[in-house]
Amino acid sequence: MNPSPNRKPPSGTLFFIGTVSLFLLLSLGLLGYKLAMEHSKAQWEKVILSYQSAKTNEEKLKIAKAHLSNKQAAVWILQIAGSLYEKGAISEALSTFQFFLEHFPGHPLEAGAMLGAGECLESQGKTQEALLLYQRILEKKTPRPIDPLPP
């Protein structure tokens, strides 16, 4: 005996099939997300290892610049700029501080990059340019006056 083609399954069965399908889709989505996050974490760990094993500031800077979308890259760039400054490579340090300022406006370490760039400029005898940077730092750090509370 063949069931008739016009016969509809009971509505409870459709609800059950829909619920199971939805559960399977959500489970597969979560599994895909978890795998993607694990892959991303593994990739970032490789980047960190390559940065740590880099021998020169140039190699480290290349790695940091290749990963500007990651927050850690900003810290690395600022560290490299400071290292270059300490080694007396003032022009390279200045361009690295400036790179930071161009690519990370508003970053919490922006004042440190401005200070570093100002020190580089000052050591090159460009006192006026350095003073402008120092002034920008002060302007950013000056608290705005608080409006008095209404009586």
C-alpha atoms as a PDB file:
ATOM      1  CA  MET A   1       0.000   0.000   0.000  1.00  0.00           C
ATOM      2  CA  ASN A   2       1.566   3.307  -1.135  1.00  0.00           C
ATOM      3  CA  PRO A   3       0.863   6.485   0.730  1.00  0.00           C
ATOM      4  CA  SER A   4      -1.031   9.027  -1.283  1.00  0.00           C
ATOM      5  CA  PRO A   5       1.135  11.849  -2.718  1.00  0.00           C
ATOM      6  CA  ASN A   6      -1.226  14.521  -1.344  1.00  0.00           C
ATOM      7  CA  ARG A   7      -0.923  13.288   2.197  1.00  0.00           C
ATOM      8  CA  LYS A   8       0.863  15.830   4.452  1.00  0.00           C
ATOM      9  CA  PRO A   9       2.955  14.754   7.433  1.00  0.00           C
ATOM     10  CA  PRO A  10       1.517  15.694  10.793  1.00  0.00           C
ATOM     11  CA  SER A  11       2.438  19.242  11.886  1.00  0.00           C
ATOM     12  CA  GLY A  12       4.339  17.925  14.926  1.00  0.00           C
ATOM     13  CA  THR A  13       6.698  16.100  12.568  1.00  0.00           C
ATOM     14  CA  LEU A  14       7.413  19.294  10.606  1.00  0.00           C
ATOM     15  CA  PHE A  15       8.152  21.133  13.819  1.00  0.00           C
ATOM     16  CA  PHE A  16      10.514  18.352  14.911  1.00  0.00           C
ATOM     17  CA  ILE A  17      12.317  18.304  11.544  1.00  0.00           C
ATOM     18  CA  GLY A  18      12.638  22.092  11.575  1.00  0.00           C
ATOM     19  CA  THR A  19      13.994  22.110  15.125  1.00  0.00           C
ATOM     20  CA  VAL A  20      16.555  19.394  14.399  1.00  0.00           C
ATOM     21  CA  SER A  21      17.629  21.141  11.180  1.00  0.00           C
ATOM     22  CA  LEU A  22      18.049  24.441  12.994  1.00  0.00           C
ATOM     23  CA  PHE A  23      20.043  22.760  15.753  1.00  0.00           C
ATOM     24  CA  LEU A  24      22.323  21.096  13.199  1.00  0.00           C
ATOM     25  CA  LEU A  25      22.874  24.362  11.339  1.00  0.00           C
ATOM     26  CA  LEU A  26      23.724  26.235  14.536  1.00  0.00           C
ATOM     27  CA  SER A  27      26.035  23.440  15.662  1.00  0.00           C
ATOM     28  CA  LEU A  28      27.869  23.443  12.345  1.00  0.00           C
ATOM     29  CA  GLY A  29      28.131  27.231  12.458  1.00  0.00           C
ATOM     30  CA  LEU A  30      29.592  27.181  15.967  1.00  0.00           C
ATOM     31  CA  LEU A  31      32.009  24.419  15.016  1.00  0.00           C
ATOM     32  CA  GLY A  32      33.139  26.417  11.971  1.00  0.00           C
ATOM     33  CA  TYR A  33      33.595  29.512  14.104  1.00  0.00           C
ATOM     34  CA  LYS A  34      35.619  27.599  16.693  1.00  0.00           C
ATOM     35  CA  LEU A  35      37.845  26.093  14.005  1.00  0.00           C
ATOM     36  CA  ALA A  36      38.374  29.499  12.416  1.00  0.00           C
ATOM     37  CA  MET A  37      39.333  31.015  15.786  1.00  0.00           C
ATOM     38  CA  GLU A  38      41.759  28.189  16.503  1.00  0.00           C
ATOM     39  CA  HIS A  39      43.309  28.618  13.063  1.00  0.00           C
ATOM     40  CA  SER A  40      43.599  32.376  13.584  1.00  0.00           C
ATOM     41  CA  LYS A  41      45.202  31.858  16.990  1.00  0.00           C
ATOM     42  CA  ALA A  42      47.685  29.358  15.536  1.00  0.00           C
ATOM     43  CA  GLN A  43      48.546  31.783  12.729  1.00  0.00           C
ATOM     44  CA  TRP A  44      49.099  34.629  15.194  1.00  0.00           C
ATOM     45  CA  GLU A  45      51.332  32.413  17.340  1.00  0.00           C
ATOM     46  CA  LYS A  46      53.471  31.824  14.238  1.00  0.00           C
ATOM     47  CA  VAL A  47      53.695  35.588  13.675  1.00  0.00           C
ATOM     48  CA  ILE A  48      54.773  36.143  17.296  1.00  0.00           C
ATOM     49  CA  LEU A  49      57.447  33.455  16.997  1.00  0.00           C
ATOM     50  CA  SER A  50      58.756  34.941  13.754  1.00  0.00           C
ATOM     51  CA  TYR A  51      58.866  38.410  15.352  1.00  0.00           C
ATOM     52  CA  GLN A  52      60.712  37.080  18.384  1.00  0.00           C
ATOM     53  CA  SER A  53      63.224  35.214  16.247  1.00  0.00           C
ATOM     54  CA  ALA A  54      63.890  38.204  13.956  1.00  0.00           C
ATOM     55  CA  LYS A  55      67.487  39.342  14.334  1.00  0.00           C
ATOM     56  CA  THR A  56      67.270  42.956  13.167  1.00  0.00           C
ATOM     57  CA  ASN A  57      64.934  45.872  13.680  1.00  0.00           C
ATOM     58  CA  GLU A  58      64.330  45.909   9.922  1.00  0.00           C
ATOM     59  CA  GLU A  59      63.064  42.302  10.021  1.00  0.00           C
ATOM     60  CA  LYS A  60      60.882  43.051  13.042  1.00  0.00           C
ATOM     61  CA  LEU A  61      59.491  46.197  11.417  1.00  0.00           C
ATOM     62  CA  LYS A  62      58.624  44.271   8.262  1.00  0.00           C
ATOM     63  CA  ILE A  63      56.685  41.715  10.322  1.00  0.00           C
ATOM     64  CA  ALA A  64      54.901  44.425  12.333  1.00  0.00           C
ATOM     65  CA  LYS A  65      53.941  46.363   9.198  1.00  0.00           C
ATOM     66  CA  ALA A  66      52.547  43.192   7.634  1.00  0.00           C
ATOM     67  CA  HIS A  67      50.120  42.838  10.558  1.00  0.00           C
ATOM     68  CA  LEU A  68      48.879  46.388  11.152  1.00  0.00           C
ATOM     69  CA  SER A  69      45.344  45.180  11.843  1.00  0.00           C
ATOM     70  CA  ASN A  70      46.514  43.523  15.058  1.00  0.00           C
ATOM     71  CA  LYS A  71      46.856  45.691  18.180  1.00  0.00           C
ATOM     72  CA  GLN A  72      50.239  44.165  19.001  1.00  0.00           C
ATOM     73  CA  ALA A  73      51.742  45.609  15.797  1.00  0.00           C
ATOM     74  CA  ALA A  74      51.394  49.152  17.179  1.00  0.00           C
ATOM     75  CA  VAL A  75      53.332  48.220  20.313  1.00  0.00           C
ATOM     76  CA  TRP A  76      56.017  46.501  18.261  1.00  0.00           C
ATOM     77  CA  ILE A  77      56.439  49.521  15.978  1.00  0.00           C
ATOM     78  CA  LEU A  78      56.809  51.843  18.937  1.00  0.00           C
ATOM     79  CA  GLN A  79      59.348  49.488  20.568  1.00  0.00           C
ATOM     80  CA  ILE A  80      61.346  49.321  17.343  1.00  0.00           C
ATOM     81  CA  ALA A  81      61.349  53.119  17.061  1.00  0.00           C
ATOM     82  CA  GLY A  82      62.634  53.400  20.629  1.00  0.00           C
ATOM     83  CA  SER A  83      65.316  50.804  19.971  1.00  0.00           C
ATOM     84  CA  LEU A  84      66.461  52.638  16.847  1.00  0.00           C
ATOM     85  CA  TYR A  85      66.639  55.888  18.820  1.00  0.00           C
ATOM     86  CA  GLU A  86      68.701  54.258  21.577  1.00  0.00           C
ATOM     87  CA  LYS A  87      71.126  52.915  18.965  1.00  0.00           C
ATOM     88  CA  GLY A  88      71.580  56.392  17.521  1.00  0.00           C
ATOM     89  CA  ALA A  89      69.727  55.680  14.270  1.00  0.00           C
ATOM     90  CA  ILE A  90      67.820  58.944  14.634  1.00  0.00           C
ATOM     91  CA  SER A  91      66.479  59.264  11.069  1.00  0.00           C
ATOM     92  CA  GLU A  92      65.188  55.680  11.080  1.00  0.00           C
ATOM     93  CA  ALA A  93      63.686  56.154  14.533  1.00  0.00           C
ATOM     94  CA  LEU A  94      61.962  59.364  13.427  1.00  0.00           C
ATOM     95  CA  SER A  95      60.451  57.739  10.348  1.00  0.00           C
ATOM     96  CA  THR A  96      59.258  54.814  12.482  1.00  0.00           C
ATOM     97  CA  PHE A  97      57.666  57.128  15.067  1.00  0.00           C
ATOM     98  CA  GLN A  98      56.025  59.027  12.199  1.00  0.00           C
ATOM     99  CA  PHE A  99      54.804  55.763  10.671  1.00  0.00           C
ATOM    100  CA  PHE A 100      53.176  54.936  14.017  1.00  0.00           C
ATOM    101  CA  LEU A 101      51.507  58.353  14.163  1.00  0.00           C
ATOM    102  CA  GLU A 102      50.187  58.030  10.596  1.00  0.00           C
ATOM    103  CA  HIS A 103      48.795  54.519  11.049  1.00  0.00           C
ATOM    104  CA  PHE A 104      47.532  54.627  14.623  1.00  0.00           C
ATOM    105  CA  PRO A 105      45.902  58.036  15.198  1.00  0.00           C
ATOM    106  CA  GLY A 106      44.220  58.227  18.582  1.00  0.00           C
ATOM    107  CA  HIS A 107      46.073  55.162  19.889  1.00  0.00           C
ATOM    108  CA  PRO A 108      46.627  55.205  23.672  1.00  0.00           C
ATOM    109  CA  LEU A 109      50.403  55.290  23.012  1.00  0.00           C
ATOM    110  CA  GLU A 110      50.161  58.178  20.560  1.00  0.00           C
ATOM    111  CA  ALA A 111      51.643  60.675  23.050  1.00  0.00           C
ATOM    112  CA  GLY A 112      54.670  58.400  23.500  1.00  0.00           C
ATOM    113  CA  ALA A 113      55.185  58.302  19.735  1.00  0.00           C
ATOM    114  CA  MET A 114      54.894  62.101  19.564  1.00  0.00           C
ATOM    115  CA  LEU A 115      57.413  62.452  22.374  1.00  0.00           C
ATOM    116  CA  GLY A 116      59.809  60.070  20.624  1.00  0.00           C
ATOM    117  CA  ALA A 117      59.435  61.894  17.315  1.00  0.00           C
ATOM    118  CA  GLY A 118      59.989  65.192  19.125  1.00  0.00           C
ATOM    119  CA  GLU A 119      63.193  63.906  20.708  1.00  0.00           C
ATOM    120  CA  CYS A 120      64.426  62.751  17.307  1.00  0.00           C
ATOM    121  CA  LEU A 121      63.667  66.132  15.771  1.00  0.00           C
ATOM    122  CA  GLU A 122      65.332  67.911  18.673  1.00  0.00           C
ATOM    123  CA  SER A 123      68.474  65.794  18.320  1.00  0.00           C
ATOM    124  CA  GLN A 124      68.564  66.720  14.623  1.00  0.00           C
ATOM    125  CA  GLY A 125      68.462  70.395  15.585  1.00  0.00           C
ATOM    126  CA  LYS A 126      64.853  70.843  14.428  1.00  0.00           C
ATOM    127  CA  THR A 127      63.759  72.478  17.668  1.00  0.00           C
ATOM    128  CA  GLN A 128      60.729  74.314  16.272  1.00  0.00           C
ATOM    129  CA  GLU A 129      59.257  71.105  14.817  1.00  0.00           C
ATOM    130  CA  ALA A 130      59.922  69.316  18.102  1.00  0.00           C
ATOM    131  CA  LEU A 131      58.186  72.090  20.056  1.00  0.00           C
ATOM    132  CA  LEU A 132      55.117  71.753  17.842  1.00  0.00           C
ATOM    133  CA  LEU A 133      54.920  68.052  18.645  1.00  0.00           C
ATOM    134  CA  TYR A 134      55.375  68.701  22.359  1.00  0.00           C
ATOM    135  CA  GLN A 135      52.593  71.289  22.163  1.00  0.00           C
ATOM    136  CA  ARG A 136      50.292  68.732  20.485  1.00  0.00           C
ATOM    137  CA  ILE A 137      50.954  66.332  23.370  1.00  0.00           C
ATOM    138  CA  LEU A 138      50.005  68.980  25.894  1.00  0.00           C
ATOM    139  CA  GLU A 139      46.870  69.912  23.965  1.00  0.00           C
ATOM    140  CA  LYS A 140      45.736  66.298  23.891  1.00  0.00           C
ATOM    141  CA  LYS A 141      46.386  65.820  27.590  1.00  0.00           C
ATOM    142  CA  THR A 142      44.824  69.070  28.793  1.00  0.00           C
ATOM    143  CA  PRO A 143      41.553  68.213  30.499  1.00  0.00           C
ATOM    144  CA  ARG A 144      38.503  70.064  29.331  1.00  0.00           C
ATOM    145  CA  PRO A 145      36.922  72.339  31.916  1.00  0.00           C
ATOM    146  CA  ILE A 146      33.995  70.741  33.670  1.00  0.00           C
ATOM    147  CA  ASP A 147      30.748  72.644  33.405  1.00  0.00           C
ATOM    148  CA  PRO A 148      29.432  73.653  36.820  1.00  0.00           C
ATOM    149  CA  LEU A 149      26.321  71.882  37.992  1.00  0.00           C
ATOM    150  CA  PRO A 150      23.152  73.932  37.651  1.00  0.00           C
ATOM    151  CA  PRO A 151      21.871  75.382  40.929  1.00  0.00           C
END
